[in-house]
Amino acid sequence: MGVITTGLCLAVPALVVLWLWGRPLLAGRWKTPGWFAATAGLSIVATALTWFVGAFAGSSMSSEESCRQAGVTYDSAYRAIHWRESSRWFPLHDRCNATYDLVPAWINPALVLLSLLAVLCLGAAVWLAVVRQSEPRAVAMSRVMFDRDGVGAANPCD
């Protein structure tokens, strides 16, 4: 029952956030600095969540116990030689021996891609904000409004 409750507690807010993020895509309003900044924020949150999944991979806090529960032999001599691997921030590794890693294979590429997406979206948001500030404001047509035949009509605002 706890797995279902946890899944719902994670899935419902995630679906709401994705719906709010995706609405401008469907409406064609995604070419704004705010949308790119929000996408960068979502990418940063997804990067942090992915890092935590990789950093805490394994069934327990003890690597030796996690390796045993995964059905893999724990090689303490290998871990003694490669002691820095499991303590680095990136790339994430928690090896049981030379051939088996507790960190899933998709974690490190996902960290790179999500970080790159965040940087690109922040760059696009800044660029769009600067371009919009430097563009002169276009006049919404001229003072003369036209009817369907292209003949000048009286402007109701005058």
N, C-alpha and C. Protein backbone atom coordinates (compact mmCIF):
# COMPACT_ATOMS: atom_id res chain seq x y z
N MET A 1 0.81 -1.20 0.00
CA MET A 1 0.00 0.00 0.00
C MET A 1 0.86 1.26 0.00
N GLY A 2 2.03 1.21 0.65
CA GLY A 2 2.91 2.36 0.72
C GLY A 2 3.47 2.75 -0.64
N VAL A 3 3.73 1.77 -1.49
CA VAL A 3 4.27 2.05 -2.82
C VAL A 3 3.23 2.78 -3.67
N ILE A 4 2.00 2.36 -3.57
CA ILE A 4 0.93 3.00 -4.35
C ILE A 4 0.71 4.44 -3.87
N THR A 5 0.70 4.64 -2.57
CA THR A 5 0.53 5.99 -2.02
C THR A 5 1.68 6.90 -2.42
N THR A 6 2.90 6.38 -2.31
CA THR A 6 4.07 7.17 -2.70
C THR A 6 4.02 7.49 -4.19
N GLY A 7 3.64 6.52 -5.00
CA GLY A 7 3.53 6.75 -6.44
C GLY A 7 2.51 7.82 -6.76
N LEU A 8 1.38 7.79 -6.10
CA LEU A 8 0.35 8.82 -6.32
C LEU A 8 0.81 10.19 -5.85
N CYS A 9 1.50 10.22 -4.72
CA CYS A 9 1.99 11.50 -4.20
C CYS A 9 3.04 12.12 -5.12
N LEU A 10 3.74 11.30 -5.86
CA LEU A 10 4.72 11.81 -6.82
C LEU A 10 4.10 12.07 -8.19
N ALA A 11 3.20 11.21 -8.62
CA ALA A 11 2.65 11.29 -9.97
C ALA A 11 1.67 12.44 -10.14
N VAL A 12 0.82 12.68 -9.16
CA VAL A 12 -0.20 13.73 -9.30
C VAL A 12 0.43 15.11 -9.43
N PRO A 13 1.36 15.52 -8.54
CA PRO A 13 2.00 16.83 -8.75
C PRO A 13 2.81 16.89 -10.04
N ALA A 14 3.45 15.77 -10.41
CA ALA A 14 4.22 15.76 -11.65
C ALA A 14 3.31 15.97 -12.86
N LEU A 15 2.16 15.34 -12.86
CA LEU A 15 1.22 15.52 -13.97
C LEU A 15 0.68 16.94 -14.03
N VAL A 16 0.42 17.54 -12.87
CA VAL A 16 -0.06 18.92 -12.84
C VAL A 16 1.01 19.86 -13.40
N VAL A 17 2.25 19.67 -12.98
CA VAL A 17 3.35 20.51 -13.47
C VAL A 17 3.53 20.32 -14.97
N LEU A 18 3.49 19.08 -15.44
CA LEU A 18 3.62 18.84 -16.88
C LEU A 18 2.46 19.45 -17.66
N TRP A 19 1.26 19.41 -17.10
CA TRP A 19 0.11 20.02 -17.77
C TRP A 19 0.28 21.53 -17.86
N LEU A 20 0.69 22.16 -16.77
CA LEU A 20 0.91 23.62 -16.78
C LEU A 20 2.05 24.01 -17.72
N TRP A 21 3.09 23.16 -17.79
CA TRP A 21 4.22 23.43 -18.67
C TRP A 21 3.83 23.20 -20.14
N GLY A 22 2.99 22.21 -20.41
CA GLY A 22 2.66 21.85 -21.78
C GLY A 22 1.56 22.68 -22.42
N ARG A 23 0.75 23.37 -21.62
CA ARG A 23 -0.32 24.20 -22.19
C ARG A 23 0.18 25.24 -23.18
N PRO A 24 1.25 25.98 -22.88
CA PRO A 24 1.75 26.94 -23.87
C PRO A 24 2.24 26.27 -25.15
N LEU A 25 2.69 25.03 -25.06
CA LEU A 25 3.10 24.32 -26.28
C LEU A 25 1.92 24.12 -27.22
N LEU A 26 0.80 23.72 -26.65
CA LEU A 26 -0.39 23.46 -27.46
C LEU A 26 -1.01 24.76 -27.97
N ALA A 27 -0.90 25.83 -27.19
CA ALA A 27 -1.49 27.11 -27.58
C ALA A 27 -0.56 27.94 -28.46
N GLY A 28 0.68 27.52 -28.62
CA GLY A 28 1.62 28.27 -29.46
C GLY A 28 2.23 29.47 -28.75
N ARG A 29 2.18 29.50 -27.41
CA ARG A 29 2.74 30.62 -26.66
C ARG A 29 4.06 30.26 -25.99
N TRP A 30 4.80 29.36 -26.56
CA TRP A 30 6.02 28.89 -25.92
C TRP A 30 7.24 29.73 -26.28
N LYS A 31 7.13 30.66 -27.15
CA LYS A 31 8.29 31.46 -27.57
C LYS A 31 8.47 32.69 -26.69
N THR A 32 8.37 32.51 -25.39
CA THR A 32 8.53 33.61 -24.46
C THR A 32 9.69 33.29 -23.51
N PRO A 33 10.33 34.32 -22.96
CA PRO A 33 11.42 34.05 -22.01
C PRO A 33 10.96 33.28 -20.77
N GLY A 34 9.74 33.53 -20.34
CA GLY A 34 9.22 32.85 -19.16
C GLY A 34 9.09 31.35 -19.35
N TRP A 35 8.66 30.94 -20.53
CA TRP A 35 8.52 29.51 -20.79
C TRP A 35 9.88 28.83 -20.78
N PHE A 36 10.88 29.47 -21.38
CA PHE A 36 12.22 28.88 -21.39
C PHE A 36 12.83 28.87 -19.99
N ALA A 37 12.56 29.91 -19.19
CA ALA A 37 13.05 29.93 -17.81
C ALA A 37 12.38 28.83 -16.99
N ALA A 38 11.09 28.62 -17.19
CA ALA A 38 10.38 27.55 -16.49
C ALA A 38 10.91 26.17 -16.91
N THR A 39 11.21 26.02 -18.18
CA THR A 39 11.77 24.75 -18.66
C THR A 39 13.14 24.52 -18.05
N ALA A 40 13.94 25.57 -17.93
CA ALA A 40 15.25 25.45 -17.28
C ALA A 40 15.07 25.06 -15.82
N GLY A 41 14.09 25.65 -15.15
CA GLY A 41 13.83 25.29 -13.75
C GLY A 41 13.41 23.83 -13.60
N LEU A 42 12.54 23.38 -14.49
CA LEU A 42 12.14 21.97 -14.47
C LEU A 42 13.33 21.05 -14.74
N SER A 43 14.21 21.47 -15.64
CA SER A 43 15.40 20.66 -15.94
C SER A 43 16.33 20.59 -14.74
N ILE A 44 16.46 21.69 -14.01
CA ILE A 44 17.31 21.69 -12.82
C ILE A 44 16.73 20.77 -11.74
N VAL A 45 15.42 20.82 -11.56
CA VAL A 45 14.78 19.93 -10.58
C VAL A 45 14.93 18.47 -11.01
N ALA A 46 14.74 18.20 -12.29
CA ALA A 46 14.90 16.83 -12.79
C ALA A 46 16.35 16.36 -12.66
N THR A 47 17.31 17.27 -12.86
CA THR A 47 18.72 16.92 -12.68
C THR A 47 19.00 16.56 -11.23
N ALA A 48 18.47 17.34 -10.30
CA ALA A 48 18.68 17.06 -8.88
C ALA A 48 18.05 15.72 -8.48
N LEU A 49 16.83 15.47 -8.96
CA LEU A 49 16.18 14.19 -8.65
C LEU A 49 16.96 13.01 -9.24
N THR A 50 17.45 13.17 -10.45
CA THR A 50 18.23 12.11 -11.09
C THR A 50 19.52 11.86 -10.32
N TRP A 51 20.18 12.94 -9.87
CA TRP A 51 21.41 12.77 -9.11
C TRP A 51 21.14 12.03 -7.80
N PHE A 52 20.04 12.37 -7.12
CA PHE A 52 19.72 11.67 -5.87
C PHE A 52 19.40 10.20 -6.11
N VAL A 53 18.73 9.88 -7.21
CA VAL A 53 18.47 8.47 -7.53
C VAL A 53 19.79 7.73 -7.72
N GLY A 54 20.73 8.37 -8.42
CA GLY A 54 22.02 7.72 -8.65
C GLY A 54 22.89 7.67 -7.40
N ALA A 55 22.89 8.75 -6.62
CA ALA A 55 23.75 8.80 -5.43
C ALA A 55 23.29 7.81 -4.36
N PHE A 56 22.00 7.57 -4.29
CA PHE A 56 21.48 6.66 -3.28
C PHE A 56 21.03 5.35 -3.90
N ALA A 57 21.65 4.95 -5.01
CA ALA A 57 21.32 3.67 -5.64
C ALA A 57 21.78 2.54 -4.73
N GLY A 58 21.06 1.49 -4.76
CA GLY A 58 21.34 0.36 -3.88
C GLY A 58 20.24 0.25 -2.85
N SER A 59 20.16 -0.89 -2.23
CA SER A 59 19.06 -1.13 -1.30
C SER A 59 19.35 -0.67 0.12
N SER A 60 20.60 -0.38 0.43
CA SER A 60 20.92 0.09 1.78
C SER A 60 22.08 1.08 1.70
N MET A 61 22.44 1.65 2.83
CA MET A 61 23.55 2.60 2.86
C MET A 61 24.90 1.91 2.80
N SER A 62 24.94 0.62 3.03
CA SER A 62 26.18 -0.15 2.95
C SER A 62 26.31 -0.74 1.55
N SER A 63 27.39 -0.40 0.86
CA SER A 63 27.59 -0.92 -0.50
C SER A 63 27.75 -2.44 -0.48
N GLU A 64 28.40 -2.95 0.52
CA GLU A 64 28.60 -4.40 0.60
C GLU A 64 27.26 -5.13 0.72
N GLU A 65 26.39 -4.62 1.56
CA GLU A 65 25.07 -5.24 1.73
C GLU A 65 24.23 -5.08 0.46
N SER A 66 24.30 -3.92 -0.19
CA SER A 66 23.55 -3.70 -1.42
C SER A 66 24.01 -4.66 -2.52
N CYS A 67 25.31 -4.89 -2.60
CA CYS A 67 25.83 -5.82 -3.61
C CYS A 67 25.36 -7.24 -3.35
N ARG A 68 25.35 -7.63 -2.08
CA ARG A 68 24.87 -8.98 -1.74
C ARG A 68 23.40 -9.13 -2.09
N GLN A 69 22.60 -8.09 -1.81
CA GLN A 69 21.17 -8.16 -2.11
C GLN A 69 20.93 -8.15 -3.61
N ALA A 70 21.84 -7.57 -4.39
CA ALA A 70 21.71 -7.59 -5.85
C ALA A 70 22.19 -8.91 -6.43
N GLY A 71 22.79 -9.76 -5.60
CA GLY A 71 23.25 -11.06 -6.06
C GLY A 71 24.61 -11.00 -6.73
N VAL A 72 25.42 -10.02 -6.36
CA VAL A 72 26.74 -9.82 -6.97
C VAL A 72 27.79 -9.91 -5.87
N THR A 73 28.94 -10.45 -6.21
CA THR A 73 30.01 -10.53 -5.21
C THR A 73 30.63 -9.16 -4.98
N TYR A 74 30.91 -8.88 -3.72
CA TYR A 74 31.54 -7.62 -3.32
C TYR A 74 33.04 -7.84 -3.28
N ASP A 75 33.78 -7.06 -4.05
CA ASP A 75 35.23 -7.19 -4.12
C ASP A 75 35.86 -6.04 -3.32
N SER A 76 36.26 -6.33 -2.08
CA SER A 76 36.82 -5.28 -1.22
C SER A 76 38.18 -4.82 -1.71
N ALA A 77 38.95 -5.69 -2.37
CA ALA A 77 40.25 -5.28 -2.91
C ALA A 77 40.06 -4.26 -4.04
N TYR A 78 39.07 -4.52 -4.90
CA TYR A 78 38.77 -3.55 -5.98
C TYR A 78 38.31 -2.22 -5.40
N ARG A 79 37.46 -2.26 -4.39
CA ARG A 79 36.96 -1.03 -3.76
C ARG A 79 38.09 -0.26 -3.08
N ALA A 80 39.08 -0.99 -2.52
CA ALA A 80 40.20 -0.32 -1.86
C ALA A 80 41.08 0.42 -2.87
N ILE A 81 41.25 -0.17 -4.03
CA ILE A 81 42.07 0.47 -5.07
C ILE A 81 41.33 1.65 -5.69
N HIS A 82 40.03 1.51 -5.94
CA HIS A 82 39.21 2.54 -6.59
C HIS A 82 38.30 3.23 -5.57
N TRP A 83 38.86 3.66 -4.46
CA TRP A 83 38.05 4.24 -3.39
C TRP A 83 37.46 5.60 -3.75
N ARG A 84 38.07 6.30 -4.69
CA ARG A 84 37.57 7.63 -5.05
C ARG A 84 36.30 7.58 -5.91
N GLU A 85 36.10 6.49 -6.63
CA GLU A 85 34.96 6.41 -7.55
C GLU A 85 33.62 6.62 -6.87
N SER A 86 33.42 6.03 -5.73
CA SER A 86 32.12 6.11 -5.09
C SER A 86 31.91 7.42 -4.34
N SER A 87 32.96 8.24 -4.20
CA SER A 87 32.80 9.50 -3.47
C SER A 87 32.78 10.72 -4.39
N ARG A 88 32.88 10.51 -5.69
CA ARG A 88 32.85 11.65 -6.62
C ARG A 88 31.42 12.11 -6.86
N TRP A 89 31.29 13.39 -7.17
CA TRP A 89 29.97 13.96 -7.48
C TRP A 89 29.53 13.57 -8.88
N PHE A 90 30.48 13.50 -9.79
CA PHE A 90 30.17 13.12 -11.17
C PHE A 90 31.42 12.54 -11.81
N PRO A 91 31.31 11.52 -12.59
CA PRO A 91 30.18 10.63 -12.83
C PRO A 91 29.92 9.76 -11.60
N LEU A 92 28.67 9.43 -11.41
CA LEU A 92 28.27 8.63 -10.26
C LEU A 92 28.57 7.16 -10.51
N HIS A 93 29.27 6.55 -9.55
CA HIS A 93 29.54 5.11 -9.60
C HIS A 93 29.53 4.58 -8.18
N ASP A 94 29.04 3.38 -8.03
CA ASP A 94 29.12 2.63 -6.78
C ASP A 94 29.31 1.17 -7.18
N ARG A 95 30.54 0.85 -7.50
CA ARG A 95 30.84 -0.48 -8.07
C ARG A 95 31.00 -1.53 -6.98
N CYS A 96 30.43 -2.69 -7.24
CA CYS A 96 30.62 -3.84 -6.37
C CYS A 96 31.94 -4.54 -6.71
N ASN A 97 32.23 -4.60 -7.99
CA ASN A 97 33.47 -5.20 -8.49
C ASN A 97 33.77 -4.54 -9.83
N ALA A 98 34.66 -5.11 -10.60
CA ALA A 98 35.06 -4.47 -11.86
C ALA A 98 33.96 -4.50 -12.92
N THR A 99 32.96 -5.35 -12.76
CA THR A 99 31.96 -5.50 -13.82
C THR A 99 30.56 -5.04 -13.44
N TYR A 100 30.28 -4.77 -12.17
CA TYR A 100 28.91 -4.44 -11.78
C TYR A 100 28.87 -3.12 -11.01
N ASP A 101 27.97 -2.24 -11.43
CA ASP A 101 27.80 -0.94 -10.81
C ASP A 101 26.37 -0.85 -10.27
N LEU A 102 26.23 -0.41 -9.02
CA LEU A 102 24.90 -0.26 -8.43
C LEU A 102 24.14 0.92 -9.04
N VAL A 103 24.86 1.92 -9.56
CA VAL A 103 24.22 3.08 -10.17
C VAL A 103 23.72 2.66 -11.56
N PRO A 104 22.44 2.88 -11.85
CA PRO A 104 21.92 2.50 -13.16
C PRO A 104 22.66 3.21 -14.31
N ALA A 105 22.72 2.56 -15.45
CA ALA A 105 23.50 3.07 -16.58
C ALA A 105 22.93 4.35 -17.16
N TRP A 106 21.66 4.63 -16.97
CA TRP A 106 21.05 5.82 -17.57
C TRP A 106 21.29 7.09 -16.77
N ILE A 107 21.79 6.99 -15.55
CA ILE A 107 21.92 8.15 -14.66
C ILE A 107 22.89 9.19 -15.21
N ASN A 108 24.12 8.81 -15.52
CA ASN A 108 25.12 9.78 -15.94
C ASN A 108 24.78 10.47 -17.27
N PRO A 109 24.32 9.74 -18.31
CA PRO A 109 23.90 10.46 -19.52
C PRO A 109 22.71 11.39 -19.27
N ALA A 110 21.79 10.99 -18.40
CA ALA A 110 20.64 11.85 -18.09
C ALA A 110 21.10 13.12 -17.39
N LEU A 111 22.08 13.01 -16.51
CA LEU A 111 22.61 14.19 -15.83
C LEU A 111 23.23 15.17 -16.82
N VAL A 112 23.95 14.66 -17.79
CA VAL A 112 24.57 15.52 -18.80
C VAL A 112 23.50 16.19 -19.65
N LEU A 113 22.54 15.42 -20.14
CA LEU A 113 21.52 15.97 -21.03
C LEU A 113 20.61 16.97 -20.31
N LEU A 114 20.20 16.68 -19.09
CA LEU A 114 19.35 17.60 -18.36
C LEU A 114 20.08 18.89 -18.00
N SER A 115 21.35 18.79 -17.66
CA SER A 115 22.14 20.00 -17.38
C SER A 115 22.31 20.84 -18.64
N LEU A 116 22.58 20.18 -19.74
CA LEU A 116 22.71 20.89 -21.01
C LEU A 116 21.41 21.56 -21.41
N LEU A 117 20.29 20.88 -21.21
CA LEU A 117 18.98 21.47 -21.50
C LEU A 117 18.73 22.70 -20.64
N ALA A 118 19.09 22.64 -19.37
CA ALA A 118 18.89 23.78 -18.48
C ALA A 118 19.72 24.98 -18.94
N VAL A 119 20.97 24.74 -19.30
CA VAL A 119 21.83 25.84 -19.76
C VAL A 119 21.31 26.44 -21.06
N LEU A 120 20.91 25.59 -21.99
CA LEU A 120 20.39 26.08 -23.28
C LEU A 120 19.10 26.87 -23.08
N CYS A 121 18.22 26.39 -22.22
CA CYS A 121 16.96 27.11 -21.99
C CYS A 121 17.19 28.44 -21.28
N LEU A 122 18.12 28.48 -20.34
CA LEU A 122 18.44 29.76 -19.71
C LEU A 122 19.03 30.73 -20.71
N GLY A 123 19.90 30.23 -21.59
CA GLY A 123 20.46 31.08 -22.65
C GLY A 123 19.38 31.59 -23.58
N ALA A 124 18.44 30.73 -23.95
CA ALA A 124 17.35 31.15 -24.83
C ALA A 124 16.46 32.18 -24.14
N ALA A 125 16.20 32.01 -22.84
CA ALA A 125 15.38 32.97 -22.11
C ALA A 125 16.05 34.33 -22.05
N VAL A 126 17.34 34.35 -21.76
CA VAL A 126 18.07 35.62 -21.71
C VAL A 126 18.10 36.26 -23.08
N TRP A 127 18.37 35.45 -24.11
CA TRP A 127 18.44 35.99 -25.46
C TRP A 127 17.09 36.58 -25.89
N LEU A 128 16.00 35.87 -25.62
CA LEU A 128 14.69 36.39 -25.99
C LEU A 128 14.36 37.66 -25.22
N ALA A 129 14.74 37.71 -23.96
CA ALA A 129 14.47 38.92 -23.17
C ALA A 129 15.26 40.11 -23.69
N VAL A 130 16.52 39.89 -24.08
CA VAL A 130 17.36 40.97 -24.60
C VAL A 130 16.88 41.40 -25.97
N VAL A 131 16.53 40.46 -26.83
CA VAL A 131 16.05 40.79 -28.18
C VAL A 131 14.75 41.57 -28.09
N ARG A 132 13.85 41.16 -27.22
CA ARG A 132 12.57 41.87 -27.09
C ARG A 132 12.76 43.28 -26.55
N GLN A 133 13.76 43.48 -25.68
CA GLN A 133 14.01 44.81 -25.14
C GLN A 133 14.64 45.73 -26.19
N SER A 134 15.47 45.16 -27.07
CA SER A 134 16.17 46.00 -28.04
C SER A 134 15.34 46.27 -29.29
N GLU A 135 14.30 45.47 -29.54
CA GLU A 135 13.46 45.71 -30.72
C GLU A 135 12.58 46.93 -30.50
N PRO A 136 12.47 47.79 -31.52
CA PRO A 136 11.54 48.91 -31.37
C PRO A 136 10.11 48.38 -31.39
N ARG A 137 9.27 49.02 -30.65
CA ARG A 137 7.87 48.61 -30.60
C ARG A 137 7.23 48.89 -31.95
N ALA A 138 6.66 47.86 -32.53
CA ALA A 138 6.00 48.02 -33.82
C ALA A 138 4.62 48.64 -33.62
N VAL A 139 4.28 49.51 -34.49
CA VAL A 139 2.95 50.11 -34.44
C VAL A 139 1.99 49.06 -34.95
N ALA A 140 0.88 48.92 -34.27
CA ALA A 140 -0.05 47.83 -34.55
C ALA A 140 -0.72 47.97 -35.89
N MET A 141 -0.45 48.60 -36.74
CA MET A 141 -0.90 48.95 -38.08
C MET A 141 -0.79 50.45 -38.10
N SER A 142 -1.23 51.03 -39.08
CA SER A 142 -1.16 52.49 -39.08
C SER A 142 -2.44 53.03 -38.47
N ARG A 143 -2.59 54.30 -38.49
CA ARG A 143 -3.81 54.89 -37.94
C ARG A 143 -5.03 54.54 -38.77
N VAL A 144 -4.80 54.24 -40.02
CA VAL A 144 -5.92 53.94 -40.90
C VAL A 144 -6.22 52.46 -40.84
N MET A 145 -7.44 52.12 -40.55
CA MET A 145 -7.84 50.72 -40.55
C MET A 145 -8.49 50.42 -41.89
N PHE A 146 -8.41 49.21 -42.30
CA PHE A 146 -8.95 48.82 -43.58
C PHE A 146 -10.10 47.84 -43.38
N ASP A 147 -11.07 47.95 -44.27
CA ASP A 147 -12.14 46.97 -44.24
C ASP A 147 -11.75 45.80 -45.12
N ARG A 148 -12.64 44.90 -45.42
CA ARG A 148 -12.33 43.69 -46.18
C ARG A 148 -11.89 43.96 -47.61
N ASP A 149 -12.33 45.05 -48.17
CA ASP A 149 -11.98 45.34 -49.55
C ASP A 149 -10.68 46.12 -49.66
N GLY A 150 -10.02 46.42 -48.56
CA GLY A 150 -8.78 47.15 -48.60
C GLY A 150 -8.96 48.65 -48.69
N VAL A 151 -10.19 49.10 -48.56
CA VAL A 151 -10.49 50.52 -48.61
C VAL A 151 -10.38 51.06 -47.20
N GLY A 152 -9.81 52.23 -47.06
CA GLY A 152 -9.64 52.83 -45.75
C GLY A 152 -10.97 53.07 -45.08
N ALA A 153 -11.08 52.66 -43.84
CA ALA A 153 -12.30 52.87 -43.05
C ALA A 153 -11.98 53.82 -41.92
N ALA A 154 -13.00 54.36 -41.36
CA ALA A 154 -12.81 55.29 -40.26
C ALA A 154 -12.35 54.52 -39.02
N ASN A 155 -11.43 55.07 -38.31
CA ASN A 155 -10.91 54.45 -37.09
C ASN A 155 -11.90 54.76 -35.97
N PRO A 156 -12.46 53.72 -35.33
CA PRO A 156 -13.44 53.96 -34.27
C PRO A 156 -12.80 54.55 -33.01
N CYS A 157 -11.48 54.51 -32.90
CA CYS A 157 -10.82 55.05 -31.72
C CYS A 157 -10.61 56.55 -31.83
N ASP A 158 -10.69 57.11 -33.02
CA ASP A 158 -10.45 58.55 -33.19
C ASP A 158 -11.67 59.35 -32.81
